[in-house]
Amino acid sequence: MFAGNILKQPGYRNIEARVIGDLPVANKVMTDTFFVGVYPGLDEEKIDYMVSIFGEFFNKHQ
């Protein structure tokens, strides 16, 4: 889901795939969302840091 239309990702450009329809929702996810990667090692301190950095960014770019 996070990739949106995965067939538009460079690594999947030349694969053979069966596609039904023009995938409007997958395309919307790809163009209109922002993915924040996570991993099991994120503890509360790291998450708090991430939230604070996003807060700084959004406060500067309102």
PDB file of N, CA and C in Angstrom:
ATOM      1  N   MET A   1       0.821  -1.201   0.000  1.00  0.00           N
ATOM      2  CA  MET A   1       0.000   0.000   0.000  1.00  0.00           C
ATOM      3  C   MET A   1       0.860   1.256   0.000  1.00  0.00           C
ATOM      4  N   PHE A   2       1.952   1.237   0.760  1.00  0.00           N
ATOM      5  CA  PHE A   2       2.743   2.447   0.869  1.00  0.00           C
ATOM      6  C   PHE A   2       3.372   2.868  -0.450  1.00  0.00           C
ATOM      7  N   ALA A   3       3.531   1.940  -1.361  1.00  0.00           N
ATOM      8  CA  ALA A   3       4.176   2.265  -2.639  1.00  0.00           C
ATOM      9  C   ALA A   3       3.188   2.863  -3.631  1.00  0.00           C
ATOM     10  N   GLY A   4       1.921   2.765  -3.339  1.00  0.00           N
ATOM     11  CA  GLY A   4       0.939   3.193  -4.328  1.00  0.00           C
ATOM     12  C   GLY A   4       0.921   2.181  -5.449  1.00  0.00           C
ATOM     13  N   ASN A   5       0.958   2.663  -6.663  1.00  0.00           N
ATOM     14  CA  ASN A   5       0.971   1.774  -7.821  1.00  0.00           C
ATOM     15  C   ASN A   5       2.390   1.243  -7.993  1.00  0.00           C
ATOM     16  N   ILE A   6       2.659   0.104  -7.409  1.00  0.00           N
ATOM     17  CA  ILE A   6       4.009  -0.449  -7.389  1.00  0.00           C
ATOM     18  C   ILE A   6       4.564  -0.687  -8.787  1.00  0.00           C
ATOM     19  N   LEU A   7       3.679  -0.835  -9.757  1.00  0.00           N
ATOM     20  CA  LEU A   7       4.144  -1.038 -11.134  1.00  0.00           C
ATOM     21  C   LEU A   7       4.802   0.212 -11.712  1.00  0.00           C
ATOM     22  N   LYS A   8       4.626   1.350 -11.074  1.00  0.00           N
ATOM     23  CA  LYS A   8       5.286   2.582 -11.520  1.00  0.00           C
ATOM     24  C   LYS A   8       6.617   2.813 -10.803  1.00  0.00           C
ATOM     25  N   GLN A   9       6.944   1.947  -9.862  1.00  0.00           N
ATOM     26  CA  GLN A   9       8.234   2.044  -9.181  1.00  0.00           C
ATOM     27  C   GLN A   9       9.327   1.547 -10.116  1.00  0.00           C
ATOM     28  N   PRO A  10      10.501   2.186 -10.110  1.00  0.00           N
ATOM     29  CA  PRO A  10      11.569   1.800 -11.045  1.00  0.00           C
ATOM     30  C   PRO A  10      11.939   0.321 -11.002  1.00  0.00           C
ATOM     31  N   GLY A  11      11.958  -0.272  -9.844  1.00  0.00           N
ATOM     32  CA  GLY A  11      12.346  -1.679  -9.740  1.00  0.00           C
ATOM     33  C   GLY A  11      11.362  -2.649 -10.381  1.00  0.00           C
ATOM     34  N   TYR A  12      10.154  -2.184 -10.647  1.00  0.00           N
ATOM     35  CA  TYR A  12       9.122  -3.043 -11.225  1.00  0.00           C
ATOM     36  C   TYR A  12       8.782  -2.636 -12.656  1.00  0.00           C
ATOM     37  N   ARG A  13       9.547  -1.720 -13.209  1.00  0.00           N
ATOM     38  CA  ARG A  13       9.240  -1.138 -14.514  1.00  0.00           C
ATOM     39  C   ARG A  13       9.086  -2.186 -15.616  1.00  0.00           C
ATOM     40  N   ASN A  14       9.926  -3.194 -15.638  1.00  0.00           N
ATOM     41  CA  ASN A  14       9.930  -4.137 -16.757  1.00  0.00           C
ATOM     42  C   ASN A  14       9.399  -5.529 -16.407  1.00  0.00           C
ATOM     43  N   ILE A  15       8.635  -5.638 -15.337  1.00  0.00           N
ATOM     44  CA  ILE A  15       8.103  -6.959 -15.004  1.00  0.00           C
ATOM     45  C   ILE A  15       6.811  -7.206 -15.774  1.00  0.00           C
ATOM     46  N   GLU A  16       6.534  -8.467 -15.950  1.00  0.00           N
ATOM     47  CA  GLU A  16       5.276  -8.856 -16.582  1.00  0.00           C
ATOM     48  C   GLU A  16       4.229  -8.952 -15.478  1.00  0.00           C
ATOM     49  N   ALA A  17       3.112  -8.252 -15.636  1.00  0.00           N
ATOM     50  CA  ALA A  17       2.088  -8.241 -14.595  1.00  0.00           C
ATOM     51  C   ALA A  17       0.708  -8.178 -15.222  1.00  0.00           C
ATOM     52  N   ARG A  18      -0.240  -8.777 -14.532  1.00  0.00           N
ATOM     53  CA  ARG A  18      -1.640  -8.705 -14.958  1.00  0.00           C
ATOM     54  C   ARG A  18      -2.274  -7.535 -14.208  1.00  0.00           C
ATOM     55  N   VAL A  19      -2.809  -6.571 -14.927  1.00  0.00           N
ATOM     56  CA  VAL A  19      -3.415  -5.388 -14.323  1.00  0.00           C
ATOM     57  C   VAL A  19      -4.869  -5.318 -14.763  1.00  0.00           C
ATOM     58  N   ILE A  20      -5.747  -5.137 -13.781  1.00  0.00           N
ATOM     59  CA  ILE A  20      -7.173  -5.005 -14.079  1.00  0.00           C
ATOM     60  C   ILE A  20      -7.571  -3.558 -13.812  1.00  0.00           C
ATOM     61  N   GLY A  21      -7.925  -2.836 -14.841  1.00  0.00           N
ATOM     62  CA  GLY A  21      -8.294  -1.431 -14.705  1.00  0.00           C
ATOM     63  C   GLY A  21      -7.077  -0.531 -14.705  1.00  0.00           C
ATOM     64  N   ASP A  22      -7.302   0.756 -14.431  1.00  0.00           N
ATOM     65  CA  ASP A  22      -6.189   1.703 -14.458  1.00  0.00           C
ATOM     66  C   ASP A  22      -5.712   2.106 -13.063  1.00  0.00           C
ATOM     67  N   LEU A  23      -6.149   1.401 -12.039  1.00  0.00           N
ATOM     68  CA  LEU A  23      -5.644   1.519 -10.663  1.00  0.00           C
ATOM     69  C   LEU A  23      -5.693   2.947 -10.107  1.00  0.00           C
ATOM     70  N   PRO A  24      -6.853   3.609 -10.148  1.00  0.00           N
ATOM     71  CA  PRO A  24      -6.922   5.003  -9.718  1.00  0.00           C
ATOM     72  C   PRO A  24      -6.582   5.215  -8.239  1.00  0.00           C
ATOM     73  N   VAL A  25      -6.964   4.295  -7.378  1.00  0.00           N
ATOM     74  CA  VAL A  25      -6.671   4.463  -5.947  1.00  0.00           C
ATOM     75  C   VAL A  25      -5.178   4.278  -5.693  1.00  0.00           C
ATOM     76  N   ALA A  26      -4.586   3.281  -6.310  1.00  0.00           N
ATOM     77  CA  ALA A  26      -3.139   3.069  -6.158  1.00  0.00           C
ATOM     78  C   ALA A  26      -2.364   4.275  -6.685  1.00  0.00           C
ATOM     79  N   ASN A  27      -2.821   4.854  -7.779  1.00  0.00           N
ATOM     80  CA  ASN A  27      -2.154   6.038  -8.321  1.00  0.00           C
ATOM     81  C   ASN A  27      -2.307   7.232  -7.379  1.00  0.00           C
ATOM     82  N   LYS A  28      -3.480   7.376  -6.753  1.00  0.00           N
ATOM     83  CA  LYS A  28      -3.694   8.467  -5.792  1.00  0.00           C
ATOM     84  C   LYS A  28      -2.781   8.299  -4.582  1.00  0.00           C
ATOM     85  N   VAL A  29      -2.652   7.082  -4.084  1.00  0.00           N
ATOM     86  CA  VAL A  29      -1.745   6.826  -2.964  1.00  0.00           C
ATOM     87  C   VAL A  29      -0.327   7.230  -3.356  1.00  0.00           C
ATOM     88  N   MET A  30       0.053   6.918  -4.564  1.00  0.00           N
ATOM     89  CA  MET A  30       1.414   7.209  -5.021  1.00  0.00           C
ATOM     90  C   MET A  30       1.687   8.705  -5.123  1.00  0.00           C
ATOM     91  N   THR A  31       0.696   9.484  -5.531  1.00  0.00           N
ATOM     92  CA  THR A  31       0.934  10.907  -5.758  1.00  0.00           C
ATOM     93  C   THR A  31       0.524  11.807  -4.600  1.00  0.00           C
ATOM     94  N   ASP A  32      -0.386  11.346  -3.730  1.00  0.00           N
ATOM     95  CA  ASP A  32      -0.960  12.237  -2.723  1.00  0.00           C
ATOM     96  C   ASP A  32      -0.720  11.814  -1.281  1.00  0.00           C
ATOM     97  N   THR A  33       0.261  10.974  -1.035  1.00  0.00           N
ATOM     98  CA  THR A  33       0.543  10.549   0.335  1.00  0.00           C
ATOM     99  C   THR A  33       2.031  10.671   0.626  1.00  0.00           C
ATOM    100  N   PHE A  34       2.365  10.570   1.897  1.00  0.00           N
ATOM    101  CA  PHE A  34       3.745  10.632   2.351  1.00  0.00           C
ATOM    102  C   PHE A  34       3.977   9.438   3.260  1.00  0.00           C
ATOM    103  N   PHE A  35       4.973   8.641   2.955  1.00  0.00           N
ATOM    104  CA  PHE A  35       5.247   7.429   3.715  1.00  0.00           C
ATOM    105  C   PHE A  35       6.386   7.669   4.685  1.00  0.00           C
ATOM    106  N   VAL A  36       6.165   7.308   5.933  1.00  0.00           N
ATOM    107  CA  VAL A  36       7.209   7.374   6.949  1.00  0.00           C
ATOM    108  C   VAL A  36       7.612   5.936   7.263  1.00  0.00           C
ATOM    109  N   GLY A  37       8.829   5.592   6.929  1.00  0.00           N
ATOM    110  CA  GLY A  37       9.313   4.237   7.185  1.00  0.00           C
ATOM    111  C   GLY A  37       9.498   3.988   8.672  1.00  0.00           C
ATOM    112  N   VAL A  38       9.195   2.802   9.080  1.00  0.00           N
ATOM    113  CA  VAL A  38       9.360   2.408  10.480  1.00  0.00           C
ATOM    114  C   VAL A  38      10.044   1.050  10.545  1.00  0.00           C
ATOM    115  N   TYR A  39      10.535   0.721  11.719  1.00  0.00           N
ATOM    116  CA  TYR A  39      11.133  -0.592  11.926  1.00  0.00           C
ATOM    117  C   TYR A  39      10.952  -0.973  13.393  1.00  0.00           C
ATOM    118  N   PRO A  40      11.087  -2.245  13.749  1.00  0.00           N
ATOM    119  CA  PRO A  40      10.794  -2.695  15.110  1.00  0.00           C
ATOM    120  C   PRO A  40      11.668  -2.062  16.191  1.00  0.00           C
ATOM    121  N   GLY A  41      12.818  -1.491  15.830  1.00  0.00           N
ATOM    122  CA  GLY A  41      13.709  -0.895  16.818  1.00  0.00           C
ATOM    123  C   GLY A  41      13.326   0.511  17.260  1.00  0.00           C
ATOM    124  N   LEU A  42      12.230   1.042  16.746  1.00  0.00           N
ATOM    125  CA  LEU A  42      11.810   2.380  17.167  1.00  0.00           C
ATOM    126  C   LEU A  42      11.268   2.316  18.588  1.00  0.00           C
ATOM    127  N   ASP A  43      11.922   3.024  19.474  1.00  0.00           N
ATOM    128  CA  ASP A  43      11.401   3.108  20.841  1.00  0.00           C
ATOM    129  C   ASP A  43      10.717   4.470  21.008  1.00  0.00           C
ATOM    130  N   GLU A  44      10.196   4.718  22.190  1.00  0.00           N
ATOM    131  CA  GLU A  44       9.446   5.958  22.411  1.00  0.00           C
ATOM    132  C   GLU A  44      10.318   7.196  22.191  1.00  0.00           C
ATOM    133  N   GLU A  45      11.576   7.136  22.575  1.00  0.00           N
ATOM    134  CA  GLU A  45      12.482   8.273  22.393  1.00  0.00           C
ATOM    135  C   GLU A  45      12.667   8.601  20.902  1.00  0.00           C
ATOM    136  N   LYS A  46      12.845   7.586  20.092  1.00  0.00           N
ATOM    137  CA  LYS A  46      13.026   7.800  18.657  1.00  0.00           C
ATOM    138  C   LYS A  46      11.745   8.327  18.009  1.00  0.00           C
ATOM    139  N   ILE A  47      10.623   7.797  18.424  1.00  0.00           N
ATOM    140  CA  ILE A  47       9.337   8.266  17.888  1.00  0.00           C
ATOM    141  C   ILE A  47       9.106   9.720  18.288  1.00  0.00           C
ATOM    142  N   ASP A  48       9.389  10.061  19.547  1.00  0.00           N
ATOM    143  CA  ASP A  48       9.243  11.453  19.995  1.00  0.00           C
ATOM    144  C   ASP A  48      10.129  12.387  19.179  1.00  0.00           C
ATOM    145  N   TYR A  49      11.354  11.947  18.889  1.00  0.00           N
ATOM    146  CA  TYR A  49      12.262  12.753  18.078  1.00  0.00           C
ATOM    147  C   TYR A  49      11.677  12.965  16.675  1.00  0.00           C
ATOM    148  N   MET A  50      11.196  11.887  16.081  1.00  0.00           N
ATOM    149  CA  MET A  50      10.615  11.968  14.747  1.00  0.00           C
ATOM    150  C   MET A  50       9.434  12.948  14.727  1.00  0.00           C
ATOM    151  N   VAL A  51       8.576  12.847  15.717  1.00  0.00           N
ATOM    152  CA  VAL A  51       7.411  13.736  15.798  1.00  0.00           C
ATOM    153  C   VAL A  51       7.861  15.184  15.953  1.00  0.00           C
ATOM    154  N   SER A  52       8.886  15.418  16.753  1.00  0.00           N
ATOM    155  CA  SER A  52       9.348  16.796  16.949  1.00  0.00           C
ATOM    156  C   SER A  52       9.943  17.365  15.659  1.00  0.00           C
ATOM    157  N   ILE A  53      10.678  16.564  14.916  1.00  0.00           N
ATOM    158  CA  ILE A  53      11.265  17.024  13.650  1.00  0.00           C
ATOM    159  C   ILE A  53      10.165  17.342  12.632  1.00  0.00           C
ATOM    160  N   PHE A  54       9.169  16.468  12.552  1.00  0.00           N
ATOM    161  CA  PHE A  54       8.043  16.764  11.656  1.00  0.00           C
ATOM    162  C   PHE A  54       7.344  18.039  12.092  1.00  0.00           C
ATOM    163  N   GLY A  55       7.159  18.216  13.407  1.00  0.00           N
ATOM    164  CA  GLY A  55       6.527  19.432  13.920  1.00  0.00           C
ATOM    165  C   GLY A  55       7.299  20.676  13.513  1.00  0.00           C
ATOM    166  N   GLU A  56       8.635  20.642  13.657  1.00  0.00           N
ATOM    167  CA  GLU A  56       9.467  21.776  13.241  1.00  0.00           C
ATOM    168  C   GLU A  56       9.289  22.070  11.757  1.00  0.00           C
ATOM    169  N   PHE A  57       9.319  21.032  10.961  1.00  0.00           N
ATOM    170  CA  PHE A  57       9.177  21.209   9.514  1.00  0.00           C
ATOM    171  C   PHE A  57       7.830  21.846   9.177  1.00  0.00           C
ATOM    172  N   PHE A  58       6.750  21.285   9.709  1.00  0.00           N
ATOM    173  CA  PHE A  58       5.433  21.794   9.370  1.00  0.00           C
ATOM    174  C   PHE A  58       5.197  23.196   9.918  1.00  0.00           C
ATOM    175  N   ASN A  59       5.780  23.518  11.047  1.00  0.00           N
ATOM    176  CA  ASN A  59       5.645  24.880  11.581  1.00  0.00           C
ATOM    177  C   ASN A  59       6.350  25.894  10.678  1.00  0.00           C
ATOM    178  N   LYS A  60       7.472  25.502  10.068  1.00  0.00           N
ATOM    179  CA  LYS A  60       8.205  26.389   9.166  1.00  0.00           C
ATOM    180  C   LYS A  60       7.494  26.544   7.814  1.00  0.00           C
ATOM    181  N   HIS A  61       6.748  25.541   7.406  1.00  0.00           N
ATOM    182  CA  HIS A  61       6.188  25.503   6.050  1.00  0.00           C
ATOM    183  C   HIS A  61       4.668  25.549   6.016  1.00  0.00           C
ATOM    184  N   GLN A  62       4.088  26.329   6.898  1.00  0.00           N
ATOM    185  CA  GLN A  62       2.621  26.437   6.918  1.00  0.00           C
ATOM    186  C   GLN A  62       2.126  27.327   5.831  1.00  0.00           C
TER     187      GLN A  62
END
